[in-house]
């Protein structure tokens, strides 16, 4: 690795650096590489991703920009300001882009900023909002973070609680194909179809979590759906399982159920 000092740059400014290797006669020994950089007081040349995503939340009422909105919070990890940042919010249903919002802002040193991305007028269904920050020239200032959510028929987020889905059977442990699984059946107590993620966390006799599994169910209104959480790689013995369901936003939408089982 070679470090080359660069003098005369203006702080809190964006630059493009081109570099290559050459011999003493000036003949090139490598290709030319181009990189977008940001000059700051703490680091003469700053690489990518100085913005860190701290978290996200779903807002149905009293949101900035109108309900519903996904609010995401990012932190400037630098000790210097970052000017003219573009925050991007890309909404997808599956692989199809259905919304693209940008917000221009400035980050002070160490500042946390929350950005509301309005996702109204979406049809009922499950979506993913991908957020990230860039410089005005498109160079990355953060990684991409995803927030999953479901839109109800009334156009608002499905938040959910522990009464949304109810377990209607005693869990079974069939072998599906060549793999053991936890079979659970869930009834939908809501007035619209809901997508749930069924989690099975497996613990040994010491209470240590040794594995977990997940499966997706979409029970219809008033109807049932069956989930199979596959269990791989456990040696013979007695285990303890806790089974529960969350929404795609990871909010609990069922009560937990615990049981003991044996692998022989």
Protein backbone atom coordinates (compact mmCIF):
# COMPACT_ATOMS: atom_id res chain seq x y z
CA UNK A 1 0.00 0.00 0.00
CA UNK A 2 1.24 3.47 -0.90
CA UNK A 3 0.06 6.64 0.88
CA UNK A 4 0.29 9.84 -1.14
CA UNK A 5 -0.21 13.20 0.60
CA UNK A 6 -2.50 15.60 -1.22
CA UNK A 7 -2.28 19.28 -0.37
CA UNK A 8 -4.45 22.31 -1.06
CA UNK A 9 -7.88 20.67 -0.79
CA UNK A 10 -10.80 22.62 0.60
CA UNK A 11 -12.42 21.00 3.63
CA UNK A 12 -15.99 19.66 3.39
CA UNK A 13 -15.70 19.40 -0.38
CA UNK A 14 -16.02 16.58 -2.89
CA UNK A 15 -13.25 15.64 -5.34
CA UNK A 16 -12.48 13.04 -7.97
CA UNK A 17 -9.01 11.45 -7.76
CA UNK A 18 -7.39 9.61 -10.68
CA UNK A 19 -4.31 7.51 -9.93
CA UNK A 20 -2.00 5.11 -11.74
CA UNK A 21 1.53 3.67 -11.55
CA UNK A 22 4.34 4.76 -13.90
CA UNK A 23 8.08 4.13 -14.23
CA UNK A 24 10.78 6.78 -13.84
CA UNK A 25 10.35 7.74 -17.50
CA UNK A 26 6.65 8.41 -17.00
CA UNK A 27 5.50 5.35 -18.93
CA UNK A 28 2.37 3.83 -17.38
CA UNK A 29 2.70 0.52 -15.55
CA UNK A 30 -0.98 0.13 -14.68
CA UNK A 31 -4.41 1.20 -15.71
CA UNK A 32 -5.96 4.43 -14.46
CA UNK A 33 -8.32 4.24 -11.50
CA UNK A 34 -10.87 6.90 -10.56
CA UNK A 35 -12.38 7.39 -7.11
CA UNK A 36 -14.76 9.99 -5.65
CA UNK A 37 -13.56 11.25 -2.26
CA UNK A 38 -14.61 13.72 0.40
CA UNK A 39 -12.13 16.01 2.15
CA UNK A 40 -12.63 16.42 5.90
CA UNK A 41 -10.59 17.70 8.81
CA UNK A 42 -10.29 14.28 10.41
CA UNK A 43 -9.24 12.47 7.24
CA UNK A 44 -7.74 14.13 4.13
CA UNK A 45 -9.40 11.53 1.92
CA UNK A 46 -12.53 9.84 3.15
CA UNK A 47 -13.62 6.48 1.76
CA UNK A 48 -17.26 5.37 1.40
CA UNK A 49 -19.97 4.93 4.02
CA UNK A 50 -19.49 7.64 6.64
CA UNK A 51 -23.27 7.49 7.29
CA UNK A 52 -24.58 4.74 9.56
CA UNK A 53 -28.22 3.66 9.63
CA UNK A 54 -29.44 3.52 13.26
CA UNK A 55 -32.99 2.23 12.80
CA UNK A 56 -36.39 2.59 11.20
CA UNK A 57 -40.02 2.84 12.34
CA UNK A 58 -43.48 2.77 10.78
CA UNK A 59 -45.78 5.75 11.27
CA UNK A 60 -49.51 5.70 10.49
CA UNK A 61 -50.59 8.97 12.14
CA UNK A 62 -48.94 12.30 12.88
CA UNK A 63 -46.09 11.62 10.44
CA UNK A 64 -43.97 14.24 8.74
CA UNK A 65 -44.93 14.37 5.08
CA UNK A 66 -48.27 12.62 5.62
CA UNK A 67 -49.26 9.11 6.65
CA UNK A 68 -48.14 6.47 6.25
CA UNK A 69 -44.39 7.00 6.33
CA UNK A 70 -41.31 4.92 7.03
CA UNK A 71 -38.98 6.97 9.22
CA UNK A 72 -35.29 6.07 9.00
CA UNK A 73 -32.50 7.51 11.15
CA UNK A 74 -28.88 7.90 10.02
CA UNK A 75 -25.82 9.12 11.91
CA UNK A 76 -22.85 11.06 10.57
CA UNK A 77 -19.92 9.14 12.04
CA UNK A 78 -17.43 11.89 11.12
CA UNK A 79 -16.16 14.79 13.18
CA UNK A 80 -16.83 17.11 10.24
CA UNK A 81 -19.92 18.18 8.32
CA UNK A 82 -21.09 16.51 5.11
CA UNK A 83 -22.84 18.94 2.80
CA UNK A 84 -25.33 18.23 0.03
CA UNK A 85 -26.20 14.65 0.93
CA UNK A 86 -28.94 12.91 -1.05
CA UNK A 87 -30.95 10.34 0.91
CA UNK A 88 -32.68 7.81 -1.32
CA UNK A 89 -35.79 5.74 -0.58
CA UNK A 90 -36.65 3.09 -3.17
CA UNK A 91 -39.85 1.08 -2.61
CA UNK A 92 -40.20 -2.35 -4.24
CA UNK A 93 -42.87 -5.00 -4.38
CA UNK A 94 -40.88 -8.11 -5.12
CA UNK A 95 -38.41 -6.95 -7.76
CA UNK A 96 -40.64 -4.20 -9.18
CA UNK A 97 -39.83 -0.60 -8.22
CA UNK A 98 -43.05 1.20 -7.26
CA UNK A 99 -41.63 4.36 -5.66
CA UNK A 100 -38.43 6.42 -5.60
CA UNK A 101 -38.03 9.39 -3.25
CA UNK A 102 -34.95 11.56 -2.67
CA UNK A 103 -34.29 14.04 0.15
CA UNK A 104 -31.40 16.53 0.08
CA UNK A 105 -29.84 17.43 3.43
CA UNK A 106 -26.70 18.46 5.31
CA UNK A 107 -25.18 16.45 8.17
CA UNK A 108 -23.38 18.28 11.00
CA UNK A 109 -20.50 16.48 12.77
CA UNK A 110 -21.85 13.46 14.67
CA UNK A 111 -25.45 14.42 13.85
CA UNK A 112 -28.38 11.98 13.88
CA UNK A 113 -31.07 12.82 11.31
CA UNK A 114 -34.45 11.15 10.75
CA UNK A 115 -36.00 11.11 7.29
CA UNK A 116 -39.68 10.27 6.63
CA UNK A 117 -40.30 8.44 3.36
CA UNK A 118 -43.97 8.73 2.42
CA UNK A 119 -45.36 5.47 1.03
CA UNK A 120 -49.03 6.36 0.66
CA UNK A 121 -51.24 5.31 -2.28
CA UNK A 122 -49.77 1.79 -2.36
CA UNK A 123 -52.08 -1.14 -3.03
CA UNK A 124 -52.48 -3.71 -0.23
CA UNK A 125 -49.48 -6.02 -0.12
CA UNK A 126 -45.95 -6.52 1.17
CA UNK A 127 -43.20 -4.08 0.23
CA UNK A 128 -39.53 -3.31 0.93
CA UNK A 129 -38.14 0.21 1.33
CA UNK A 130 -34.40 0.38 0.57
CA UNK A 131 -32.64 3.50 1.89
CA UNK A 132 -29.10 4.79 1.37
CA UNK A 133 -27.16 8.05 1.21
CA UNK A 134 -24.99 9.41 -1.58
CA UNK A 135 -23.03 12.50 -2.50
CA UNK A 136 -24.54 14.68 -5.21
CA UNK A 137 -22.34 12.92 -7.78
CA UNK A 138 -23.79 9.55 -6.77
CA UNK A 139 -20.86 8.28 -4.70
CA UNK A 140 -21.98 6.12 -1.79
CA UNK A 141 -22.05 7.56 1.72
CA UNK A 142 -23.75 4.54 3.30
CA UNK A 143 -24.71 0.97 2.69
CA UNK A 144 -28.26 0.02 1.69
CA UNK A 145 -30.71 -0.79 4.51
CA UNK A 146 -34.06 -2.52 3.97
CA UNK A 147 -37.33 -2.05 5.88
CA UNK A 148 -40.16 -4.50 5.14
CA UNK A 149 -43.81 -3.58 5.64
CA UNK A 150 -47.34 -4.64 4.75
CA UNK A 151 -50.05 -2.23 3.59
CA UNK A 152 -53.62 -3.00 4.73
CA UNK A 153 -56.73 -2.48 2.56
CA UNK A 154 -57.27 0.92 4.24
CA UNK A 155 -53.88 2.11 2.96
CA UNK A 156 -52.13 2.12 6.36
CA UNK A 157 -49.32 -0.02 7.71
CA UNK A 158 -50.16 -3.32 9.33
CA UNK A 159 -48.50 -3.03 12.74
CA UNK A 160 -50.22 -5.95 14.48
CA UNK A 161 -50.30 -7.40 17.98
CA UNK A 162 -50.28 -10.84 19.60
CA UNK A 163 -53.95 -11.49 18.78
CA UNK A 164 -53.62 -11.39 14.98
CA UNK A 165 -52.79 -15.09 14.54
CA UNK A 166 -53.64 -17.97 16.86
CA UNK A 167 -52.08 -21.44 16.99
CA UNK A 168 -54.85 -24.00 16.44
CA UNK A 169 -52.97 -27.31 16.72
CA UNK A 170 -50.48 -29.00 18.98
CA UNK A 171 -47.22 -28.72 17.00
CA UNK A 172 -46.14 -31.91 15.27
CA UNK A 173 -42.67 -33.02 14.19
CA UNK A 174 -43.07 -34.77 10.82
CA UNK A 175 -40.28 -35.58 8.40
CA UNK A 176 -40.82 -33.58 5.21
CA UNK A 177 -38.76 -35.05 2.42
CA UNK A 178 -35.64 -36.09 4.30
CA UNK A 179 -35.70 -33.30 6.88
CA UNK A 180 -37.41 -33.05 10.28
CA UNK A 181 -39.67 -30.06 10.74
CA UNK A 182 -41.97 -28.36 13.24
CA UNK A 183 -45.50 -28.25 11.80
CA UNK A 184 -47.84 -25.54 13.10
CA UNK A 185 -51.26 -24.36 11.92
CA UNK A 186 -52.33 -20.74 12.39
CA UNK A 187 -55.73 -19.08 12.06
CA UNK A 188 -56.09 -15.47 10.87
CA UNK A 189 -58.27 -13.42 13.25
CA UNK A 190 -58.10 -10.27 11.12
CA UNK A 191 -60.41 -8.89 8.45
CA UNK A 192 -57.74 -9.08 5.71
CA UNK A 193 -55.05 -11.59 4.66
CA UNK A 194 -51.84 -11.16 6.63
CA UNK A 195 -48.32 -12.31 5.85
CA UNK A 196 -46.60 -13.80 8.89
CA UNK A 197 -43.13 -15.17 9.57
CA UNK A 198 -43.27 -18.25 11.82
CA UNK A 199 -40.15 -18.58 13.97
CA UNK A 200 -38.99 -21.70 15.81
CA UNK A 201 -36.09 -21.16 18.23
CA UNK A 202 -34.56 -24.37 19.57
CA UNK A 203 -32.76 -24.60 22.93
CA UNK A 204 -30.76 -27.39 24.57
CA UNK A 205 -31.08 -28.60 28.17
CA UNK A 206 -28.94 -25.70 29.39
CA UNK A 207 -31.29 -23.16 27.83
CA UNK A 208 -28.78 -22.26 25.13
CA UNK A 209 -30.14 -21.45 21.67
CA UNK A 210 -28.70 -24.03 19.29
CA UNK A 211 -30.60 -23.20 16.10
CA UNK A 212 -33.60 -21.37 14.70
CA UNK A 213 -35.80 -21.65 11.65
CA UNK A 214 -38.42 -19.53 9.91
CA UNK A 215 -41.28 -20.09 7.47
CA UNK A 216 -43.79 -17.74 5.82
CA UNK A 217 -47.57 -18.15 6.01
CA UNK A 218 -50.42 -16.13 4.51
CA UNK A 219 -53.67 -17.34 6.08
CA UNK A 220 -56.83 -15.93 4.47
CA UNK A 221 -59.49 -14.03 6.42
CA UNK A 222 -60.78 -16.40 9.09
CA UNK A 223 -58.80 -19.26 7.54
CA UNK A 224 -55.81 -21.41 8.40
CA UNK A 225 -52.31 -21.80 7.01
CA UNK A 226 -49.68 -24.42 7.83
CA UNK A 227 -46.02 -23.64 8.47
CA UNK A 228 -43.07 -26.02 8.37
CA UNK A 229 -39.96 -24.86 10.23
CA UNK A 230 -37.16 -27.20 9.24
CA UNK A 231 -34.60 -28.36 11.81
CA UNK A 232 -31.14 -29.28 10.56
CA UNK A 233 -27.99 -30.69 12.12
CA UNK A 234 -29.05 -31.39 15.70
CA UNK A 235 -27.67 -34.51 17.42
CA UNK A 236 -30.02 -36.88 19.29
CA UNK A 237 -31.34 -35.49 22.55
CA UNK A 238 -34.12 -33.55 24.26
CA UNK A 239 -34.76 -29.99 23.14
CA UNK A 240 -37.05 -27.09 23.96
CA UNK A 241 -38.74 -25.04 21.24
CA UNK A 242 -40.39 -21.63 21.36
CA UNK A 243 -42.63 -20.87 18.40
CA UNK A 244 -44.17 -17.51 17.52
CA UNK A 245 -45.16 -15.37 14.53
CA UNK A 246 -44.07 -11.87 13.53
CA UNK A 247 -45.17 -9.54 10.77
CA UNK A 248 -42.77 -8.81 7.92
CA UNK A 249 -41.79 -5.76 10.01
CA UNK A 250 -40.80 -8.15 12.87
CA UNK A 251 -43.61 -7.13 15.23
CA UNK A 252 -45.10 -10.02 17.24
CA UNK A 253 -48.52 -11.03 15.85
CA UNK A 254 -49.03 -14.20 17.91
CA UNK A 255 -48.49 -15.36 21.46
CA UNK A 256 -45.41 -17.57 21.97
CA UNK A 257 -45.85 -21.33 22.36
CA UNK A 258 -43.25 -23.53 24.09
CA UNK A 259 -42.86 -27.29 24.02
CA UNK A 260 -40.35 -30.11 24.53
CA UNK A 261 -39.37 -32.64 21.88
CA UNK A 262 -36.82 -35.40 21.38
CA UNK A 263 -34.61 -36.24 18.44
CA UNK A 264 -33.65 -39.92 18.42
